[in-house]
Amino acid sequence: MDSENSKFQTVEELTKRVNELYHKSQAEGLTEEEKEEQAELRKAYVAKIRNSLRGQLDNISIVEKDGSVTNLGEKFGKKGTH
């Protein structure tokens, strides 16, 4: 993502800008530059959501029938960046 779009640090900020571009596209259309920005922001949004979900899933532990605890993050996740 280029430096202009890296100013959006949170999912909420990304969502706000994506929505602004969406509403503009419906009302009057977007320039090619705005279409590219919209595509980059959507990719950044999906990446942030995936990373957040992966972080949550990596912290799930299951208590097995024998009483042992299996940490799913250690078993399946955290093999590198997803």
C-alpha atoms as a PDB file:
ATOM      1  CA  MET A   1       0.000   0.000   0.000  1.00  0.00           C
ATOM      2  CA  ASP A   2       1.374   3.412  -0.825  1.00  0.00           C
ATOM      3  CA  SER A   3       2.218   6.050   1.763  1.00  0.00           C
ATOM      4  CA  GLU A   4      -0.964   8.048   1.102  1.00  0.00           C
ATOM      5  CA  ASN A   5      -3.200   5.123   2.101  1.00  0.00           C
ATOM      6  CA  SER A   6      -0.996   4.043   4.999  1.00  0.00           C
ATOM      7  CA  LYS A   7      -2.451   6.968   6.975  1.00  0.00           C
ATOM      8  CA  PHE A   8      -5.480   4.746   7.626  1.00  0.00           C
ATOM      9  CA  GLN A   9      -4.413   2.802  10.686  1.00  0.00           C
ATOM     10  CA  THR A  10      -7.652   1.321  11.913  1.00  0.00           C
ATOM     11  CA  VAL A  11     -10.407  -0.745  10.342  1.00  0.00           C
ATOM     12  CA  GLU A  12     -12.818   2.081  11.172  1.00  0.00           C
ATOM     13  CA  GLU A  13     -10.724   4.625   9.249  1.00  0.00           C
ATOM     14  CA  LEU A  14     -10.437   2.296   6.277  1.00  0.00           C
ATOM     15  CA  THR A  15     -14.164   1.580   6.352  1.00  0.00           C
ATOM     16  CA  LYS A  16     -15.007   5.275   6.487  1.00  0.00           C
ATOM     17  CA  ARG A  17     -12.874   6.080   3.433  1.00  0.00           C
ATOM     18  CA  VAL A  18     -14.085   3.041   1.459  1.00  0.00           C
ATOM     19  CA  ASN A  19     -17.667   4.090   2.196  1.00  0.00           C
ATOM     20  CA  GLU A  20     -16.938   7.685   1.127  1.00  0.00           C
ATOM     21  CA  LEU A  21     -15.575   6.436  -2.169  1.00  0.00           C
ATOM     22  CA  TYR A  22     -18.517   4.060  -2.598  1.00  0.00           C
ATOM     23  CA  HIS A  23     -21.071   6.827  -2.082  1.00  0.00           C
ATOM     24  CA  LYS A  24     -19.184   9.107  -4.455  1.00  0.00           C
ATOM     25  CA  SER A  25     -19.077   6.336  -7.061  1.00  0.00           C
ATOM     26  CA  GLN A  26     -22.860   5.966  -6.808  1.00  0.00           C
ATOM     27  CA  ALA A  27     -23.511   9.704  -6.963  1.00  0.00           C
ATOM     28  CA  GLU A  28     -21.068  10.937  -9.588  1.00  0.00           C
ATOM     29  CA  GLY A  29     -18.505   8.273 -10.376  1.00  0.00           C
ATOM     30  CA  LEU A  30     -14.844   7.963  -9.487  1.00  0.00           C
ATOM     31  CA  THR A  31     -11.688   9.024 -11.246  1.00  0.00           C
ATOM     32  CA  GLU A  32      -9.196   6.321 -12.172  1.00  0.00           C
ATOM     33  CA  GLU A  33      -7.020   7.433  -9.249  1.00  0.00           C
ATOM     34  CA  GLU A  34      -9.946   7.097  -6.850  1.00  0.00           C
ATOM     35  CA  LYS A  35     -10.806   3.653  -8.243  1.00  0.00           C
ATOM     36  CA  GLU A  36      -7.216   2.552  -7.597  1.00  0.00           C
ATOM     37  CA  GLU A  37      -7.347   4.011  -4.083  1.00  0.00           C
ATOM     38  CA  GLN A  38     -10.636   2.199  -3.440  1.00  0.00           C
ATOM     39  CA  ALA A  39      -9.151  -1.122  -4.563  1.00  0.00           C
ATOM     40  CA  GLU A  40      -6.055  -0.639  -2.380  1.00  0.00           C
ATOM     41  CA  LEU A  41      -8.148   0.338   0.622  1.00  0.00           C
ATOM     42  CA  ARG A  42     -10.369  -2.702   0.205  1.00  0.00           C
ATOM     43  CA  LYS A  43      -7.291  -4.949   0.104  1.00  0.00           C
ATOM     44  CA  ALA A  44      -5.917  -3.257   3.226  1.00  0.00           C
ATOM     45  CA  TYR A  45      -9.287  -3.669   4.954  1.00  0.00           C
ATOM     46  CA  VAL A  46      -9.449  -7.385   4.164  1.00  0.00           C
ATOM     47  CA  ALA A  47      -5.837  -7.844   5.332  1.00  0.00           C
ATOM     48  CA  LYS A  48      -6.558  -6.111   8.648  1.00  0.00           C
ATOM     49  CA  ILE A  49      -9.701  -8.174   9.232  1.00  0.00           C
ATOM     50  CA  ARG A  50      -7.852 -11.416   8.386  1.00  0.00           C
ATOM     51  CA  ASN A  51      -4.994 -10.563  10.739  1.00  0.00           C
ATOM     52  CA  SER A  52      -7.427  -9.715  13.508  1.00  0.00           C
ATOM     53  CA  LEU A  53      -9.355 -12.933  13.025  1.00  0.00           C
ATOM     54  CA  ARG A  54      -6.141 -14.977  12.846  1.00  0.00           C
ATOM     55  CA  GLY A  55      -5.000 -13.393  16.114  1.00  0.00           C
ATOM     56  CA  GLN A  56      -8.264 -14.374  17.767  1.00  0.00           C
ATOM     57  CA  LEU A  57      -8.212 -17.901  16.390  1.00  0.00           C
ATOM     58  CA  ASP A  58      -4.583 -18.387  17.411  1.00  0.00           C
ATOM     59  CA  ASN A  59      -5.609 -17.776  21.017  1.00  0.00           C
ATOM     60  CA  ILE A  60      -8.268 -20.479  21.184  1.00  0.00           C
ATOM     61  CA  SER A  61      -7.601 -23.446  23.407  1.00  0.00           C
ATOM     62  CA  ILE A  62      -9.670 -26.608  23.542  1.00  0.00           C
ATOM     63  CA  VAL A  63     -10.000 -28.809  26.589  1.00  0.00           C
ATOM     64  CA  GLU A  64      -9.803 -32.372  25.332  1.00  0.00           C
ATOM     65  CA  LYS A  65     -11.845 -35.274  26.776  1.00  0.00           C
ATOM     66  CA  ASP A  66      -8.812 -36.455  28.737  1.00  0.00           C
ATOM     67  CA  GLY A  67      -8.479 -33.022  30.379  1.00  0.00           C
ATOM     68  CA  SER A  68      -5.459 -31.896  28.383  1.00  0.00           C
ATOM     69  CA  VAL A  69      -5.506 -28.482  26.755  1.00  0.00           C
ATOM     70  CA  THR A  70      -4.709 -28.028  23.067  1.00  0.00           C
ATOM     71  CA  ASN A  71      -3.786 -24.526  21.971  1.00  0.00           C
ATOM     72  CA  LEU A  72      -5.002 -24.265  18.388  1.00  0.00           C
ATOM     73  CA  GLY A  73      -2.689 -21.347  17.665  1.00  0.00           C
ATOM     74  CA  GLU A  74       0.326 -23.459  18.520  1.00  0.00           C
ATOM     75  CA  LYS A  75      -1.051 -26.504  16.748  1.00  0.00           C
ATOM     76  CA  PHE A  76      -2.310 -24.942  13.505  1.00  0.00           C
ATOM     77  CA  GLY A  77      -1.530 -21.239  13.407  1.00  0.00           C
ATOM     78  CA  LYS A  78       1.507 -19.078  13.931  1.00  0.00           C
ATOM     79  CA  LYS A  79       3.357 -20.840  11.124  1.00  0.00           C
ATOM     80  CA  GLY A  80       4.197 -17.460   9.679  1.00  0.00           C
ATOM     81  CA  THR A  81       2.207 -14.564   8.347  1.00  0.00           C
ATOM     82  CA  HIS A  82      -1.051 -15.437   6.598  1.00  0.00           C
END
